[in-house]
N, C-alpha and C. Protein backbone atom coordinates (compact mmCIF):
# COMPACT_ATOMS: atom_id res chain seq x y z
N UNK A 1 -29.74 -33.60 -29.35
CA UNK A 1 -29.29 -34.90 -28.89
C UNK A 1 -28.87 -34.65 -27.26
N UNK A 2 -29.22 -35.04 -26.65
CA UNK A 2 -30.07 -35.11 -24.59
C UNK A 2 -28.66 -36.14 -24.10
N UNK A 3 -27.67 -35.94 -22.94
CA UNK A 3 -26.72 -36.67 -22.47
C UNK A 3 -27.29 -36.10 -21.11
N UNK A 4 -27.83 -37.50 -20.47
CA UNK A 4 -28.46 -37.31 -19.40
C UNK A 4 -27.79 -39.12 -18.83
N UNK A 5 -28.20 -38.86 -17.40
CA UNK A 5 -27.80 -40.44 -16.68
C UNK A 5 -28.70 -41.17 -16.69
N UNK A 6 -29.98 -40.49 -16.79
CA UNK A 6 -31.76 -41.06 -16.09
C UNK A 6 -31.87 -42.12 -17.60
N UNK A 7 -32.74 -42.83 -17.17
CA UNK A 7 -33.55 -43.53 -18.11
C UNK A 7 -34.01 -42.44 -18.99
N UNK A 8 -34.51 -43.70 -20.64
CA UNK A 8 -35.14 -42.80 -21.13
C UNK A 8 -36.51 -42.37 -20.86
N UNK A 9 -37.31 -43.96 -20.02
CA UNK A 9 -38.45 -43.64 -19.66
C UNK A 9 -38.73 -42.70 -18.09
N UNK A 10 -37.96 -42.30 -17.98
CA UNK A 10 -37.36 -41.15 -16.51
C UNK A 10 -37.36 -39.44 -17.57
N UNK A 11 -37.16 -39.79 -18.43
CA UNK A 11 -37.01 -38.36 -18.77
C UNK A 11 -38.23 -38.34 -19.77
N UNK A 12 -38.66 -39.24 -20.38
CA UNK A 12 -39.69 -38.80 -21.41
C UNK A 12 -41.43 -39.18 -20.52
N UNK A 13 -40.87 -39.61 -19.04
CA UNK A 13 -42.74 -39.30 -18.50
C UNK A 13 -43.47 -38.34 -18.47
N UNK A 14 -44.40 -38.86 -18.86
CA UNK A 14 -45.49 -37.73 -18.82
C UNK A 14 -45.65 -36.99 -19.48
N UNK A 15 -44.74 -37.41 -21.13
CA UNK A 15 -44.76 -36.49 -22.38
C UNK A 15 -45.98 -36.97 -23.21
N UNK A 16 -46.56 -37.97 -23.01
CA UNK A 16 -47.68 -38.07 -23.79
C UNK A 16 -48.74 -37.68 -23.31
N UNK A 17 -49.25 -36.98 -21.57
CA UNK A 17 -50.23 -37.02 -21.30
C UNK A 17 -50.64 -35.69 -21.75
N UNK A 18 -51.77 -35.68 -22.09
CA UNK A 18 -52.27 -34.09 -22.30
C UNK A 18 -53.18 -33.79 -21.33
N UNK A 19 -52.93 -32.44 -21.20
CA UNK A 19 -53.91 -31.64 -20.27
C UNK A 19 -55.31 -31.47 -20.41
N UNK A 20 -56.14 -31.37 -19.07
CA UNK A 20 -57.76 -31.62 -19.55
C UNK A 20 -57.61 -29.96 -19.76
N UNK A 21 -58.20 -29.98 -20.97
CA UNK A 21 -58.67 -28.58 -21.26
C UNK A 21 -59.77 -27.92 -21.36
N UNK A 22 -60.45 -26.93 -20.98
CA UNK A 22 -61.89 -26.73 -21.46
C UNK A 22 -61.90 -24.97 -21.35
N UNK A 23 -63.17 -24.87 -22.16
CA UNK A 23 -63.49 -23.69 -22.51
C UNK A 23 -64.26 -23.23 -21.73
N UNK A 24 -64.29 -21.65 -21.41
CA UNK A 24 -65.16 -21.14 -20.67
C UNK A 24 -65.51 -20.11 -20.99
N UNK A 25 -66.63 -19.25 -20.24
CA UNK A 25 -66.80 -17.69 -20.57
C UNK A 25 -66.49 -17.03 -19.60
N UNK A 26 -65.49 -16.60 -19.09
CA UNK A 26 -65.87 -15.85 -18.00
C UNK A 26 -65.22 -13.98 -17.83
N UNK A 27 -66.53 -13.48 -16.95
CA UNK A 27 -66.37 -12.51 -17.26
C UNK A 27 -66.83 -11.90 -18.60
N UNK A 28 -67.45 -12.74 -19.78
CA UNK A 28 -67.59 -12.23 -20.91
C UNK A 28 -66.42 -12.66 -22.08
N UNK A 29 -65.19 -12.86 -21.48
CA UNK A 29 -64.15 -13.37 -22.37
C UNK A 29 -64.11 -14.94 -22.01
N UNK A 30 -63.99 -15.32 -23.38
CA UNK A 30 -63.72 -16.85 -23.58
C UNK A 30 -62.42 -17.37 -23.50
N UNK A 31 -61.92 -18.14 -22.75
CA UNK A 31 -60.51 -18.45 -22.05
C UNK A 31 -60.23 -20.07 -22.64
N UNK A 32 -59.58 -20.21 -22.77
CA UNK A 32 -59.36 -21.57 -22.27
C UNK A 32 -58.19 -21.97 -21.27
N UNK A 33 -58.83 -22.16 -20.11
CA UNK A 33 -58.14 -22.87 -19.32
C UNK A 33 -57.45 -24.68 -19.30
N UNK A 34 -56.69 -24.43 -18.18
CA UNK A 34 -55.94 -26.05 -18.26
C UNK A 34 -56.25 -26.13 -17.07
N UNK A 35 -57.39 -27.36 -16.11
CA UNK A 35 -57.79 -27.85 -14.82
C UNK A 35 -56.37 -28.03 -13.99
N UNK A 36 -56.41 -27.03 -13.03
CA UNK A 36 -55.10 -27.60 -11.80
C UNK A 36 -55.67 -28.06 -10.66
N UNK A 37 -56.96 -27.50 -10.37
CA UNK A 37 -57.45 -27.77 -8.92
C UNK A 37 -59.55 -28.27 -9.38
N UNK A 38 -60.07 -28.93 -8.52
CA UNK A 38 -61.35 -28.69 -9.17
C UNK A 38 -61.88 -26.82 -9.40
N UNK A 39 -61.26 -26.38 -8.45
CA UNK A 39 -61.69 -24.98 -7.83
C UNK A 39 -60.81 -23.50 -9.29
N UNK A 40 -60.07 -24.57 -9.48
CA UNK A 40 -58.61 -23.09 -10.32
C UNK A 40 -58.65 -23.88 -11.65
N UNK A 41 -58.10 -22.88 -12.54
CA UNK A 41 -57.45 -23.23 -13.55
C UNK A 41 -56.71 -21.94 -14.27
N UNK A 42 -55.76 -22.85 -15.25
CA UNK A 42 -54.66 -21.88 -15.10
C UNK A 42 -54.76 -21.67 -16.83
N UNK A 43 -54.76 -20.02 -16.86
CA UNK A 43 -55.30 -19.59 -18.40
C UNK A 43 -54.06 -20.09 -19.56
N UNK A 44 -55.07 -20.41 -20.34
CA UNK A 44 -53.35 -20.91 -21.19
C UNK A 44 -54.23 -19.83 -22.81
N UNK A 45 -55.51 -19.82 -23.26
CA UNK A 45 -55.29 -19.04 -23.90
C UNK A 45 -56.63 -17.99 -23.96
N UNK A 46 -56.69 -16.92 -24.54
CA UNK A 46 -57.73 -15.65 -24.69
C UNK A 46 -58.33 -15.84 -25.71
N UNK A 47 -59.41 -15.87 -26.19
CA UNK A 47 -60.26 -15.74 -27.59
C UNK A 47 -60.78 -14.37 -27.71
N UNK A 48 -60.48 -14.00 -27.83
CA UNK A 48 -61.08 -12.21 -28.10
C UNK A 48 -61.11 -11.24 -29.03
N UNK A 49 -61.64 -10.31 -29.50
CA UNK A 49 -61.80 -9.53 -30.78
C UNK A 49 -61.09 -8.36 -30.09
N UNK A 50 -60.87 -7.88 -28.86
CA UNK A 50 -60.86 -6.98 -28.37
C UNK A 50 -59.21 -6.78 -27.89
N UNK A 51 -58.68 -5.83 -29.37
CA UNK A 51 -57.28 -6.08 -29.13
C UNK A 51 -56.48 -5.31 -27.58
N UNK A 52 -57.27 -4.92 -26.76
CA UNK A 52 -56.85 -4.34 -25.63
C UNK A 52 -57.28 -5.44 -24.39
N UNK A 53 -57.79 -6.50 -24.61
CA UNK A 53 -58.03 -7.51 -23.85
C UNK A 53 -56.56 -8.28 -23.46
N UNK A 54 -55.39 -7.98 -25.01
CA UNK A 54 -54.09 -9.07 -25.19
C UNK A 54 -53.14 -8.28 -23.87
N UNK A 55 -53.43 -7.18 -23.99
CA UNK A 55 -52.49 -5.98 -23.00
C UNK A 55 -52.71 -6.70 -21.14
N UNK A 56 -53.90 -6.83 -21.18
CA UNK A 56 -54.52 -6.89 -19.82
C UNK A 56 -53.59 -7.55 -19.11
N UNK A 57 -52.74 -7.98 -17.76
CA UNK A 57 -52.04 -8.41 -17.18
C UNK A 57 -53.17 -9.91 -16.33
N UNK A 58 -54.50 -9.71 -16.46
CA UNK A 58 -55.33 -10.37 -15.82
C UNK A 58 -55.89 -11.58 -16.91
N UNK A 59 -55.62 -10.98 -18.63
CA UNK A 59 -55.78 -12.04 -19.16
C UNK A 59 -54.51 -12.50 -19.85
N UNK A 60 -53.73 -12.59 -19.29
CA UNK A 60 -51.84 -13.49 -19.84
C UNK A 60 -52.19 -14.30 -19.39
N UNK A 61 -51.48 -15.58 -20.39
CA UNK A 61 -50.91 -16.85 -20.32
C UNK A 61 -50.58 -17.42 -18.81
N UNK A 62 -51.06 -18.32 -18.16
CA UNK A 62 -50.68 -18.56 -17.24
C UNK A 62 -51.15 -17.95 -15.52
N UNK A 63 -52.00 -17.01 -16.22
CA UNK A 63 -52.77 -16.49 -14.47
C UNK A 63 -54.05 -18.10 -13.91
N UNK A 64 -53.90 -17.43 -13.29
CA UNK A 64 -54.48 -18.66 -12.22
C UNK A 64 -56.07 -18.01 -12.58
N UNK A 65 -56.98 -18.80 -12.74
CA UNK A 65 -58.80 -18.26 -12.90
C UNK A 65 -59.37 -18.89 -11.57
N UNK A 66 -60.24 -18.27 -10.62
CA UNK A 66 -60.96 -19.31 -9.76
C UNK A 66 -62.57 -19.47 -10.32
N UNK A 67 -62.54 -20.61 -10.68
CA UNK A 67 -63.87 -21.44 -10.94
C UNK A 67 -64.72 -21.36 -10.28
N UNK A 68 -64.92 -21.32 -9.44
CA UNK A 68 -65.53 -21.03 -8.14
C UNK A 68 -66.34 -20.15 -8.84
N UNK A 69 -66.47 -19.17 -8.84
CA UNK A 69 -66.60 -17.76 -9.62
C UNK A 69 -67.57 -17.93 -10.66
N UNK A 70 -68.05 -18.91 -11.03
CA UNK A 70 -68.77 -19.46 -12.79
C UNK A 70 -69.96 -19.71 -11.75
N UNK A 71 -69.66 -20.82 -10.79
CA UNK A 71 -71.20 -21.14 -10.33
C UNK A 71 -71.99 -20.63 -9.45
């Protein structure tokens, strides 16, 4: 139950919008990133078979990736 003075449309605004996700190969790692600008993406998911990658701060979800480095 949510008690709020806001209209339901305001509360649910943007709820059904799905972010634009893309899979990239970045320094030999496969990453799922959400585009936040034309040259930057926010790391959503790391796909790796190396356990050490998951404790590396560089590959933590929420990290900003410079997509210009891919070009």
